[in-house]
């Protein structure tokens, strides 16, 4: 019996890095974008989930193999291969991106609790950022982080799946939605969705999660698929709920909280509260996880290492939290257009990060038996071409059109 329990415990531990990656990527801005896709275009944009998740699986798997292949971090490999400047540039870029989205995470937490309690959002922004900072002082930060992420992913799944059943969606329309179609007016949302769901930064950080998991006693393995499939499932569920409830009524979503308000007349306070639980889970898991990504990678870029128990790394994580919370308190709220703009602008940075990952994963001296297979080389190059194409298109849309 004890042997079976040990095997089960080991298997569950190996799934943790992928689940954490899903929790980091699925934040309130992601929920807002997916809600808007369903509200504006019904079920017709479900196909983009398959495309984004497919490439996210490829690059997250790549990141996990980099973590398995060596005791050196990915940014250390980049520093050794291209110099300190390249490592710092990527670290700073990730820091800026994560800080900008940290504001959305803070606002998401504030809105979720404020809507449920009838209080001011800024109060909860402060409280939960202080709680997030307090987590940094736990002796075993990674263990606290992984338990928190698993619990919040569970809350999100409960809220979304319950809402899905209550919304009674059309099965035939869902199936049709996985056939690719395109509306010119959807370009900005599609770019923002791909930039958030096909998250190169999340895939990049997967290598660190695998190494941290190994150092905390988990068996070295690549089990990132489960977490990424969870990410795709949650994205599809939110689109379906919005398509079933909001699209027929012509309701436009300008913030994630408006979806819960739209559900309230149909299903009562119960459904609305469940959605707010999901919003809170998405926001707080990303609040902690996103800051961890930005802070630990910045620390590693400057040569301070990336271990979550390091005081210097914790200071960088705290810096991301404080900067993000400050932005959210100054502006009060982020409209959907600004969230979409922030997500889509990251598309300019991610091709460079993705190319660095891809190059390291192709290097046999670094990777050994874990190097990219011919299939992954082809698919990975297609993923990079997709990111470059989206960056060029987005540049045209933002600055030349």
Foldseek 3Di string as FASTA:
>chain_A
DVVVVVVVVLVVLLQLLLQLLLLQLQAFLLLLLLLQCLQPPNLQQLQLLVVLLVLLVLLLLLLLLLLLQDLDALLVVVCVPPHLVVLLVLLVLLLVLLLQCLLVLLQLLLCLVCVVVVDASLVRSVVLLVVLLVLLPDQQSVVVLSVLSVVLLVLLVVLLVVLLVLLPFDPVSNVNNSPHDDDVVCLLSSLLNSLSLSPSLSSSCSSVVLSLSVVVPHDRDRNNSVSSVSSSVSSSSSSRSSSSQNNVVSDGRFGSLVSLVSCCVVPHPVSSSSSSSNSNSSSSSNSNSSLLSSLQSNCVSVPNHRDSSDPNSSVSSSVSSVSSSVVCVVVVDDTSVRSSVSSNQCLLVSLVSLVSSLVQLQDCVRSPVRHDDPVSNVSSVVVSVVSVVSNVVVCCVPPPD
